Amino acid sequence: MDQSLILKQQLQALFQAAGKETLHLLIPMVRTAEEIKEFVKIMNPLKKKYKTKVKLGIMVETPSSVLLLDKLPKEIRFVSVGTNDLLQYFFAVDRIHPTLKADPLHPLFVEYLGEIVKKVKRQGRSLSLCGEMASDARVLPILLGLGFRDLSVSVSRISEVAKALGKVTIPGAKERTNKIFLRSGKSK
């Protein structure tokens, strides 16, 4: 079956279900600006037909999508960073490999996340982060220090994350993040 037909059917169902509510749509695994444009081209006629209010966002899960952040179309209102895939692709490792592990606190990856925050905030779009990093107590201060404020975590980890966040201050998180940059020879 044609992929665009499947997308149209899914969008129709979402727009019908949304009624008068604003629908937040997140485009996953974005790799190119053309993918976003194609999605918008398919979405817009349906949005008009159903008179649905839409806030459109992208999921940053590929290294190429990070490069798009300075050139996002005006339709994109929010960005969510999918750390599981992004970390895997950044270090070119298989997540389930028994010995090769990607370190979310590696200075290069922390710097990369910092660049994402800067790019998204410069454009005034909202930003969130999801994936295992969002519920890792040792990583949470770094995420806060970089400027992440919205985290998506599984229900089973909410209390653990809330407890960890209760032990962190924003100034302390920024100081800890700056230490990572200093160790790598960079300044934030």
N, C-alpha and C. Protein backbone atom coordinates (compact mmCIF):
# COMPACT_ATOMS: atom_id res chain seq x y z
N MET A 1 0.84 -1.18 0.00
CA MET A 1 0.00 0.00 0.00
C MET A 1 0.89 1.25 0.00
N ASP A 2 0.44 2.27 -0.68
CA ASP A 2 1.15 3.54 -0.78
C ASP A 2 1.26 4.20 0.61
N GLN A 3 2.50 4.59 0.97
CA GLN A 3 2.74 5.19 2.29
C GLN A 3 1.95 6.48 2.50
N SER A 4 1.83 7.29 1.45
CA SER A 4 1.10 8.55 1.60
C SER A 4 -0.39 8.30 1.85
N LEU A 5 -0.92 7.24 1.27
CA LEU A 5 -2.33 6.88 1.51
C LEU A 5 -2.53 6.47 2.96
N ILE A 6 -1.60 5.68 3.49
CA ILE A 6 -1.68 5.27 4.89
C ILE A 6 -1.62 6.50 5.80
N LEU A 7 -0.69 7.43 5.49
CA LEU A 7 -0.58 8.65 6.29
C LEU A 7 -1.87 9.45 6.24
N LYS A 8 -2.46 9.59 5.05
CA LYS A 8 -3.73 10.34 4.92
C LYS A 8 -4.82 9.71 5.78
N GLN A 9 -4.91 8.39 5.75
CA GLN A 9 -5.93 7.70 6.55
C GLN A 9 -5.70 7.94 8.04
N GLN A 10 -4.44 7.88 8.46
CA GLN A 10 -4.13 8.11 9.88
C GLN A 10 -4.45 9.55 10.28
N LEU A 11 -4.10 10.49 9.43
CA LEU A 11 -4.38 11.90 9.73
C LEU A 11 -5.88 12.16 9.78
N GLN A 12 -6.63 11.58 8.85
CA GLN A 12 -8.08 11.74 8.88
C GLN A 12 -8.66 11.25 10.20
N ALA A 13 -8.22 10.09 10.64
CA ALA A 13 -8.71 9.53 11.90
C ALA A 13 -8.35 10.46 13.08
N LEU A 14 -7.14 10.98 13.07
CA LEU A 14 -6.72 11.89 14.15
C LEU A 14 -7.53 13.18 14.13
N PHE A 15 -7.73 13.75 12.94
CA PHE A 15 -8.48 15.00 12.84
C PHE A 15 -9.94 14.81 13.24
N GLN A 16 -10.52 13.69 12.87
CA GLN A 16 -11.90 13.40 13.28
C GLN A 16 -12.00 13.26 14.79
N ALA A 17 -11.02 12.58 15.38
CA ALA A 17 -11.03 12.36 16.83
C ALA A 17 -10.75 13.65 17.60
N ALA A 18 -9.99 14.55 17.03
CA ALA A 18 -9.59 15.78 17.73
C ALA A 18 -10.77 16.72 17.96
N GLY A 19 -11.72 16.71 17.06
CA GLY A 19 -12.85 17.63 17.20
C GLY A 19 -12.36 19.07 17.24
N LYS A 20 -12.74 19.80 18.29
CA LYS A 20 -12.35 21.21 18.42
C LYS A 20 -11.04 21.40 19.19
N GLU A 21 -10.48 20.32 19.67
CA GLU A 21 -9.23 20.40 20.43
C GLU A 21 -8.04 20.60 19.51
N THR A 22 -6.98 21.22 20.05
CA THR A 22 -5.74 21.37 19.28
C THR A 22 -5.00 20.04 19.30
N LEU A 23 -4.61 19.60 18.14
CA LEU A 23 -3.91 18.33 17.99
C LEU A 23 -2.42 18.59 17.90
N HIS A 24 -1.65 17.93 18.75
CA HIS A 24 -0.20 18.04 18.71
C HIS A 24 0.33 16.83 17.95
N LEU A 25 0.91 17.07 16.78
CA LEU A 25 1.45 15.99 15.96
C LEU A 25 2.96 16.05 15.96
N LEU A 26 3.59 14.91 16.17
CA LEU A 26 5.04 14.81 16.23
C LEU A 26 5.51 13.91 15.10
N ILE A 27 6.32 14.47 14.19
CA ILE A 27 6.83 13.69 13.06
C ILE A 27 8.09 12.96 13.53
N PRO A 28 8.07 11.63 13.52
CA PRO A 28 9.24 10.87 14.01
C PRO A 28 10.31 10.68 12.94
N MET A 29 11.52 10.36 13.39
CA MET A 29 12.63 9.97 12.53
C MET A 29 12.86 10.90 11.34
N VAL A 30 12.76 12.19 11.57
CA VAL A 30 12.99 13.17 10.50
C VAL A 30 14.46 13.12 10.10
N ARG A 31 14.69 13.09 8.79
CA ARG A 31 16.06 13.09 8.27
C ARG A 31 16.34 14.28 7.38
N THR A 32 15.30 14.75 6.67
CA THR A 32 15.50 15.84 5.71
C THR A 32 14.35 16.84 5.78
N ALA A 33 14.62 18.05 5.28
CA ALA A 33 13.58 19.08 5.21
C ALA A 33 12.47 18.65 4.25
N GLU A 34 12.84 17.90 3.22
CA GLU A 34 11.86 17.43 2.24
C GLU A 34 10.80 16.54 2.89
N GLU A 35 11.21 15.74 3.88
CA GLU A 35 10.24 14.89 4.58
C GLU A 35 9.21 15.74 5.32
N ILE A 36 9.67 16.81 5.92
CA ILE A 36 8.75 17.70 6.64
C ILE A 36 7.79 18.35 5.64
N LYS A 37 8.33 18.85 4.54
CA LYS A 37 7.51 19.51 3.51
C LYS A 37 6.47 18.54 2.95
N GLU A 38 6.86 17.30 2.72
CA GLU A 38 5.93 16.30 2.19
C GLU A 38 4.81 16.03 3.20
N PHE A 39 5.17 15.93 4.48
CA PHE A 39 4.16 15.71 5.51
C PHE A 39 3.17 16.88 5.53
N VAL A 40 3.68 18.10 5.51
CA VAL A 40 2.83 19.30 5.55
C VAL A 40 1.92 19.34 4.32
N LYS A 41 2.47 18.98 3.16
CA LYS A 41 1.69 18.97 1.92
C LYS A 41 0.52 17.99 2.00
N ILE A 42 0.74 16.87 2.64
CA ILE A 42 -0.33 15.87 2.80
C ILE A 42 -1.30 16.32 3.90
N MET A 43 -0.77 16.93 4.96
CA MET A 43 -1.59 17.29 6.12
C MET A 43 -2.50 18.48 5.85
N ASN A 44 -2.01 19.52 5.20
CA ASN A 44 -2.75 20.78 5.10
C ASN A 44 -4.16 20.68 4.51
N PRO A 45 -4.37 19.97 3.40
CA PRO A 45 -5.74 19.87 2.89
C PRO A 45 -6.70 19.18 3.88
N LEU A 46 -6.19 18.19 4.58
CA LEU A 46 -7.02 17.48 5.56
C LEU A 46 -7.31 18.37 6.76
N LYS A 47 -6.32 19.12 7.16
CA LYS A 47 -6.47 20.05 8.29
C LYS A 47 -7.58 21.06 7.97
N LYS A 48 -7.57 21.56 6.74
CA LYS A 48 -8.62 22.52 6.32
C LYS A 48 -9.98 21.84 6.27
N LYS A 49 -10.01 20.65 5.69
CA LYS A 49 -11.28 19.91 5.54
C LYS A 49 -11.94 19.69 6.91
N TYR A 50 -11.16 19.29 7.90
CA TYR A 50 -11.72 18.98 9.22
C TYR A 50 -11.67 20.17 10.18
N LYS A 51 -11.11 21.29 9.70
CA LYS A 51 -11.00 22.51 10.51
C LYS A 51 -10.31 22.23 11.86
N THR A 52 -9.25 21.47 11.78
CA THR A 52 -8.52 21.05 12.97
C THR A 52 -7.37 22.00 13.24
N LYS A 53 -7.22 22.39 14.51
CA LYS A 53 -6.07 23.19 14.93
C LYS A 53 -4.93 22.21 15.20
N VAL A 54 -3.77 22.48 14.61
CA VAL A 54 -2.64 21.57 14.74
C VAL A 54 -1.40 22.32 15.19
N LYS A 55 -0.70 21.74 16.16
CA LYS A 55 0.66 22.17 16.49
C LYS A 55 1.54 21.02 16.02
N LEU A 56 2.47 21.36 15.15
CA LEU A 56 3.30 20.34 14.52
C LEU A 56 4.72 20.40 15.08
N GLY A 57 5.27 19.22 15.37
CA GLY A 57 6.63 19.13 15.89
C GLY A 57 7.41 18.04 15.19
N ILE A 58 8.71 18.04 15.46
CA ILE A 58 9.55 16.96 14.92
C ILE A 58 10.29 16.28 16.06
N MET A 59 10.62 15.05 15.80
CA MET A 59 11.43 14.26 16.72
C MET A 59 12.86 14.28 16.18
N VAL A 60 13.79 14.74 17.00
CA VAL A 60 15.20 14.76 16.61
C VAL A 60 15.81 13.45 17.10
N GLU A 61 15.99 12.53 16.16
CA GLU A 61 16.52 11.21 16.48
C GLU A 61 17.68 10.83 15.58
N THR A 62 17.94 11.65 14.57
CA THR A 62 19.00 11.36 13.62
C THR A 62 19.98 12.54 13.60
N PRO A 63 21.26 12.27 13.38
CA PRO A 63 22.21 13.38 13.30
C PRO A 63 21.85 14.41 12.23
N SER A 64 21.29 13.98 11.11
CA SER A 64 20.93 14.94 10.06
C SER A 64 19.82 15.88 10.52
N SER A 65 18.92 15.41 11.38
CA SER A 65 17.84 16.29 11.84
C SER A 65 18.37 17.43 12.70
N VAL A 66 19.50 17.23 13.36
CA VAL A 66 20.10 18.30 14.16
C VAL A 66 20.54 19.44 13.23
N LEU A 67 21.05 19.09 12.06
CA LEU A 67 21.47 20.11 11.11
C LEU A 67 20.30 20.89 10.54
N LEU A 68 19.11 20.30 10.57
CA LEU A 68 17.91 20.97 10.06
C LEU A 68 17.36 22.03 11.01
N LEU A 69 17.76 21.97 12.26
CA LEU A 69 17.13 22.81 13.28
C LEU A 69 17.21 24.31 12.97
N ASP A 70 18.23 24.74 12.26
CA ASP A 70 18.34 26.15 11.88
C ASP A 70 17.47 26.51 10.68
N LYS A 71 16.91 25.49 10.03
CA LYS A 71 16.17 25.72 8.78
C LYS A 71 14.76 25.14 8.83
N LEU A 72 14.20 25.00 9.99
CA LEU A 72 12.88 24.39 10.10
C LEU A 72 11.80 25.29 9.49
N PRO A 73 10.84 24.68 8.80
CA PRO A 73 9.72 25.47 8.29
C PRO A 73 8.90 26.06 9.43
N LYS A 74 8.20 27.15 9.13
CA LYS A 74 7.43 27.85 10.17
C LYS A 74 6.35 26.97 10.81
N GLU A 75 5.92 25.94 10.11
CA GLU A 75 4.87 25.05 10.65
C GLU A 75 5.34 24.28 11.88
N ILE A 76 6.65 24.11 12.03
CA ILE A 76 7.18 23.34 13.16
C ILE A 76 7.19 24.23 14.39
N ARG A 77 6.41 23.84 15.40
CA ARG A 77 6.26 24.65 16.61
C ARG A 77 7.02 24.10 17.80
N PHE A 78 7.34 22.78 17.76
CA PHE A 78 8.06 22.20 18.90
C PHE A 78 9.00 21.10 18.42
N VAL A 79 9.97 20.81 19.27
CA VAL A 79 11.00 19.82 18.96
C VAL A 79 11.14 18.90 20.17
N SER A 80 11.20 17.61 19.90
CA SER A 80 11.45 16.64 20.95
C SER A 80 12.70 15.84 20.57
N VAL A 81 13.63 15.74 21.51
CA VAL A 81 14.88 15.01 21.25
C VAL A 81 14.71 13.58 21.73
N GLY A 82 14.81 12.64 20.82
CA GLY A 82 14.72 11.21 21.14
C GLY A 82 16.11 10.67 21.38
N THR A 83 16.51 10.62 22.64
CA THR A 83 17.90 10.32 22.97
C THR A 83 18.32 8.88 22.70
N ASN A 84 17.41 7.94 22.76
CA ASN A 84 17.82 6.55 22.53
C ASN A 84 18.42 6.39 21.14
N ASP A 85 17.66 6.79 20.13
CA ASP A 85 18.14 6.66 18.76
C ASP A 85 19.27 7.63 18.47
N LEU A 86 19.15 8.88 18.93
CA LEU A 86 20.18 9.88 18.64
C LEU A 86 21.53 9.45 19.20
N LEU A 87 21.56 8.95 20.41
CA LEU A 87 22.81 8.47 21.02
C LEU A 87 23.40 7.31 20.22
N GLN A 88 22.55 6.38 19.82
CA GLN A 88 22.98 5.23 19.04
C GLN A 88 23.58 5.66 17.71
N TYR A 89 22.89 6.55 17.00
CA TYR A 89 23.37 6.98 15.69
C TYR A 89 24.59 7.90 15.81
N PHE A 90 24.64 8.71 16.85
CA PHE A 90 25.77 9.62 17.05
C PHE A 90 27.07 8.84 17.19
N PHE A 91 27.04 7.76 18.00
CA PHE A 91 28.24 6.97 18.22
C PHE A 91 28.35 5.75 17.30
N ALA A 92 27.36 5.57 16.42
CA ALA A 92 27.35 4.44 15.48
C ALA A 92 27.54 3.11 16.19
N VAL A 93 26.70 2.88 17.21
CA VAL A 93 26.73 1.61 17.94
C VAL A 93 25.34 1.00 17.97
N ASP A 94 25.31 -0.30 18.13
CA ASP A 94 24.07 -1.03 18.28
C ASP A 94 23.70 -1.00 19.76
N ARG A 95 22.49 -0.55 20.07
CA ARG A 95 22.08 -0.41 21.48
C ARG A 95 22.15 -1.72 22.26
N ILE A 96 21.99 -2.84 21.57
CA ILE A 96 21.98 -4.11 22.31
C ILE A 96 23.30 -4.87 22.21
N HIS A 97 24.33 -4.22 21.67
CA HIS A 97 25.64 -4.88 21.57
C HIS A 97 26.14 -5.18 22.98
N PRO A 98 26.67 -6.38 23.21
CA PRO A 98 27.06 -6.76 24.58
C PRO A 98 28.23 -5.95 25.17
N THR A 99 29.11 -5.41 24.33
CA THR A 99 30.26 -4.69 24.90
C THR A 99 30.38 -3.24 24.45
N LEU A 100 29.89 -2.90 23.28
CA LEU A 100 29.96 -1.50 22.82
C LEU A 100 28.80 -0.71 23.39
N LYS A 101 29.10 0.25 24.22
CA LYS A 101 28.05 1.08 24.83
C LYS A 101 28.32 2.54 24.51
N ALA A 102 27.27 3.28 24.28
CA ALA A 102 27.38 4.72 24.05
C ALA A 102 27.14 5.43 25.38
N ASP A 103 28.07 6.26 25.78
CA ASP A 103 27.99 6.98 27.05
C ASP A 103 27.24 8.29 26.87
N PRO A 104 26.05 8.44 27.48
CA PRO A 104 25.30 9.68 27.33
C PRO A 104 26.00 10.88 27.97
N LEU A 105 26.99 10.64 28.83
CA LEU A 105 27.72 11.73 29.45
C LEU A 105 29.07 12.01 28.77
N HIS A 106 29.31 11.38 27.63
CA HIS A 106 30.54 11.67 26.90
C HIS A 106 30.51 13.15 26.51
N PRO A 107 31.61 13.87 26.74
CA PRO A 107 31.62 15.31 26.45
C PRO A 107 31.16 15.69 25.04
N LEU A 108 31.48 14.87 24.05
CA LEU A 108 31.05 15.18 22.68
C LEU A 108 29.53 15.13 22.56
N PHE A 109 28.91 14.14 23.20
CA PHE A 109 27.45 14.03 23.11
C PHE A 109 26.78 15.13 23.93
N VAL A 110 27.35 15.45 25.08
CA VAL A 110 26.80 16.55 25.90
C VAL A 110 26.87 17.86 25.10
N GLU A 111 27.99 18.08 24.44
CA GLU A 111 28.13 19.28 23.60
C GLU A 111 27.10 19.29 22.48
N TYR A 112 26.88 18.13 21.88
CA TYR A 112 25.90 17.97 20.80
C TYR A 112 24.50 18.34 21.30
N LEU A 113 24.13 17.83 22.47
CA LEU A 113 22.83 18.18 23.05
C LEU A 113 22.74 19.67 23.34
N GLY A 114 23.85 20.25 23.81
CA GLY A 114 23.88 21.69 24.07
C GLY A 114 23.63 22.50 22.80
N GLU A 115 24.17 22.04 21.68
CA GLU A 115 23.94 22.72 20.40
C GLU A 115 22.47 22.64 19.99
N ILE A 116 21.86 21.50 20.26
CA ILE A 116 20.44 21.34 19.95
C ILE A 116 19.63 22.35 20.76
N VAL A 117 19.91 22.46 22.05
CA VAL A 117 19.18 23.40 22.91
C VAL A 117 19.33 24.82 22.37
N LYS A 118 20.56 25.21 22.05
CA LYS A 118 20.80 26.57 21.54
C LYS A 118 20.02 26.84 20.26
N LYS A 119 20.07 25.91 19.33
CA LYS A 119 19.39 26.10 18.05
C LYS A 119 17.88 26.23 18.23
N VAL A 120 17.30 25.37 19.05
CA VAL A 120 15.85 25.39 19.22
C VAL A 120 15.42 26.65 19.98
N LYS A 121 16.15 27.01 21.02
CA LYS A 121 15.78 28.20 21.80
C LYS A 121 15.95 29.48 21.00
N ARG A 122 16.97 29.53 20.13
CA ARG A 122 17.17 30.71 19.27
C ARG A 122 15.94 30.98 18.42
N GLN A 123 15.26 29.93 18.04
CA GLN A 123 14.08 30.07 17.18
C GLN A 123 12.79 30.22 17.96
N GLY A 124 12.87 30.13 19.27
CA GLY A 124 11.68 30.32 20.10
C GLY A 124 10.70 29.15 20.07
N ARG A 125 11.17 27.99 19.69
CA ARG A 125 10.31 26.80 19.69
C ARG A 125 10.42 26.10 21.04
N SER A 126 9.38 25.37 21.41
CA SER A 126 9.46 24.61 22.66
C SER A 126 10.28 23.35 22.43
N LEU A 127 10.88 22.86 23.52
CA LEU A 127 11.82 21.74 23.44
C LEU A 127 11.54 20.76 24.56
N SER A 128 11.59 19.48 24.22
CA SER A 128 11.47 18.44 25.23
C SER A 128 12.48 17.33 24.91
N LEU A 129 12.63 16.44 25.86
CA LEU A 129 13.57 15.33 25.69
C LEU A 129 12.92 14.05 26.18
N CYS A 130 13.09 12.98 25.43
CA CYS A 130 12.57 11.68 25.86
C CYS A 130 13.64 10.62 25.65
N GLY A 131 13.39 9.46 26.17
CA GLY A 131 14.36 8.37 26.08
C GLY A 131 14.90 8.04 27.45
N GLU A 132 15.79 7.07 27.48
CA GLU A 132 16.32 6.59 28.76
C GLU A 132 17.06 7.67 29.52
N MET A 133 17.69 8.61 28.82
CA MET A 133 18.42 9.69 29.49
C MET A 133 17.50 10.51 30.39
N ALA A 134 16.26 10.67 29.99
CA ALA A 134 15.32 11.50 30.75
C ALA A 134 15.00 10.93 32.12
N SER A 135 15.26 9.65 32.31
CA SER A 135 14.98 9.05 33.62
C SER A 135 16.23 8.49 34.29
N ASP A 136 17.39 8.94 33.84
CA ASP A 136 18.66 8.50 34.41
C ASP A 136 19.12 9.56 35.42
N ALA A 137 19.08 9.23 36.70
CA ALA A 137 19.37 10.20 37.77
C ALA A 137 20.74 10.84 37.64
N ARG A 138 21.73 10.11 37.12
CA ARG A 138 23.06 10.71 37.01
C ARG A 138 23.16 11.67 35.83
N VAL A 139 22.24 11.58 34.87
CA VAL A 139 22.24 12.44 33.69
C VAL A 139 21.33 13.66 33.86
N LEU A 140 20.32 13.54 34.71
CA LEU A 140 19.34 14.62 34.87
C LEU A 140 19.97 16.00 35.16
N PRO A 141 20.96 16.09 36.06
CA PRO A 141 21.55 17.42 36.29
C PRO A 141 22.19 18.01 35.03
N ILE A 142 22.78 17.17 34.21
CA ILE A 142 23.41 17.65 32.98
C ILE A 142 22.34 18.16 32.02
N LEU A 143 21.24 17.44 31.91
CA LEU A 143 20.16 17.88 31.04
C LEU A 143 19.61 19.23 31.49
N LEU A 144 19.43 19.38 32.79
CA LEU A 144 18.96 20.67 33.32
C LEU A 144 20.00 21.76 33.08
N GLY A 145 21.27 21.43 33.25
CA GLY A 145 22.34 22.39 33.03
C GLY A 145 22.42 22.84 31.58
N LEU A 146 22.04 21.98 30.66
CA LEU A 146 22.04 22.34 29.24
C LEU A 146 20.84 23.21 28.87
N GLY A 147 19.79 23.14 29.68
CA GLY A 147 18.61 23.94 29.39
C GLY A 147 17.34 23.16 29.11
N PHE A 148 17.39 21.85 29.21
CA PHE A 148 16.17 21.05 29.05
C PHE A 148 15.29 21.24 30.28
N ARG A 149 14.00 21.48 30.06
CA ARG A 149 13.06 21.64 31.17
C ARG A 149 11.87 20.70 31.07
N ASP A 150 11.60 20.19 29.88
CA ASP A 150 10.49 19.26 29.67
C ASP A 150 11.04 17.89 29.35
N LEU A 151 10.72 16.92 30.20
CA LEU A 151 11.21 15.56 30.04
C LEU A 151 10.03 14.60 29.92
N SER A 152 10.18 13.63 29.07
CA SER A 152 9.16 12.60 28.92
C SER A 152 9.74 11.30 29.46
N VAL A 153 9.10 10.76 30.48
CA VAL A 153 9.58 9.52 31.10
C VAL A 153 8.42 8.54 31.22
N SER A 154 8.76 7.27 31.33
CA SER A 154 7.72 6.26 31.47
C SER A 154 7.06 6.42 32.84
N VAL A 155 5.81 6.04 32.91
CA VAL A 155 5.03 6.18 34.14
C VAL A 155 5.73 5.50 35.32
N SER A 156 6.33 4.37 35.07
CA SER A 156 6.97 3.62 36.16
C SER A 156 8.18 4.34 36.75
N ARG A 157 8.72 5.34 36.05
CA ARG A 157 9.92 6.04 36.53
C ARG A 157 9.63 7.44 37.07
N ILE A 158 8.39 7.88 37.02
CA ILE A 158 8.06 9.26 37.40
C ILE A 158 8.49 9.58 38.82
N SER A 159 8.18 8.73 39.78
CA SER A 159 8.52 9.05 41.17
C SER A 159 10.03 9.08 41.37
N GLU A 160 10.75 8.18 40.72
CA GLU A 160 12.21 8.14 40.81
C GLU A 160 12.82 9.42 40.22
N VAL A 161 12.29 9.85 39.08
CA VAL A 161 12.79 11.06 38.44
C VAL A 161 12.45 12.29 39.28
N ALA A 162 11.25 12.34 39.81
CA ALA A 162 10.85 13.47 40.66
C ALA A 162 11.76 13.57 41.88
N LYS A 163 12.07 12.44 42.47
CA LYS A 163 12.97 12.41 43.64
C LYS A 163 14.36 12.92 43.26
N ALA A 164 14.88 12.46 42.12
CA ALA A 164 16.20 12.90 41.65
C ALA A 164 16.21 14.39 41.33
N LEU A 165 15.15 14.87 40.70
CA LEU A 165 15.07 16.29 40.37
C LEU A 165 14.97 17.17 41.62
N GLY A 166 14.37 16.62 42.67
CA GLY A 166 14.26 17.36 43.93
C GLY A 166 15.60 17.62 44.60
N LYS A 167 16.61 16.89 44.18
CA LYS A 167 17.96 17.04 44.76
C LYS A 167 18.85 17.96 43.94
N VAL A 168 18.31 18.53 42.86
CA VAL A 168 19.12 19.31 41.93
C VAL A 168 18.63 20.75 41.89
N THR A 169 19.57 21.68 41.84
CA THR A 169 19.22 23.08 41.59
C THR A 169 19.72 23.44 40.20
N ILE A 170 19.10 24.42 39.59
CA ILE A 170 19.52 24.84 38.26
C ILE A 170 20.96 25.37 38.30
N PRO A 171 21.33 26.24 39.26
CA PRO A 171 22.73 26.69 39.30
C PRO A 171 23.71 25.53 39.48
N GLY A 172 23.37 24.57 40.34
CA GLY A 172 24.22 23.40 40.54
C GLY A 172 24.33 22.55 39.29
N ALA A 173 23.22 22.42 38.57
CA ALA A 173 23.21 21.64 37.33
C ALA A 173 24.08 22.32 36.27
N LYS A 174 23.99 23.65 36.19
CA LYS A 174 24.81 24.38 35.21
C LYS A 174 26.29 24.24 35.54
N GLU A 175 26.62 24.29 36.83
CA GLU A 175 28.02 24.14 37.25
C GLU A 175 28.54 22.76 36.88
N ARG A 176 27.73 21.74 37.12
CA ARG A 176 28.14 20.37 36.79
C ARG A 176 28.32 20.19 35.29
N THR A 177 27.43 20.80 34.51
CA THR A 177 27.54 20.72 33.06
C THR A 177 28.79 21.45 32.57
N ASN A 178 29.07 22.60 33.14
CA ASN A 178 30.27 23.35 32.76
C ASN A 178 31.54 22.54 33.02
N LYS A 179 31.54 21.74 34.07
CA LYS A 179 32.71 20.90 34.36
C LYS A 179 32.96 19.89 33.24
N ILE A 180 31.90 19.38 32.65
CA ILE A 180 32.06 18.44 31.53
C ILE A 180 32.71 19.17 30.37
N PHE A 181 32.25 20.40 30.10
CA PHE A 181 32.82 21.16 29.00
C PHE A 181 34.28 21.52 29.28
N LEU A 182 34.60 21.84 30.54
CA LEU A 182 35.97 22.17 30.87
C LEU A 182 36.89 20.96 30.72
N ARG A 183 36.41 19.78 31.12
CA ARG A 183 37.19 18.54 30.94
C ARG A 183 37.49 18.27 29.49
N SER A 184 36.56 18.67 28.62
CA SER A 184 36.75 18.40 27.19
C SER A 184 37.53 19.51 26.49
N GLY A 185 37.91 20.55 27.26
CA GLY A 185 38.67 21.65 26.68
C GLY A 185 37.80 22.71 26.05
N LYS A 186 36.49 22.63 26.25
CA LYS A 186 35.55 23.61 25.69
C LYS A 186 34.99 24.43 26.83
N SER A 187 34.49 25.58 26.48
CA SER A 187 33.74 26.36 27.47
C SER A 187 32.34 26.56 26.92
N LYS A 188 31.39 26.54 27.80
CA LYS A 188 29.99 26.62 27.39
C LYS A 188 29.57 28.05 27.21
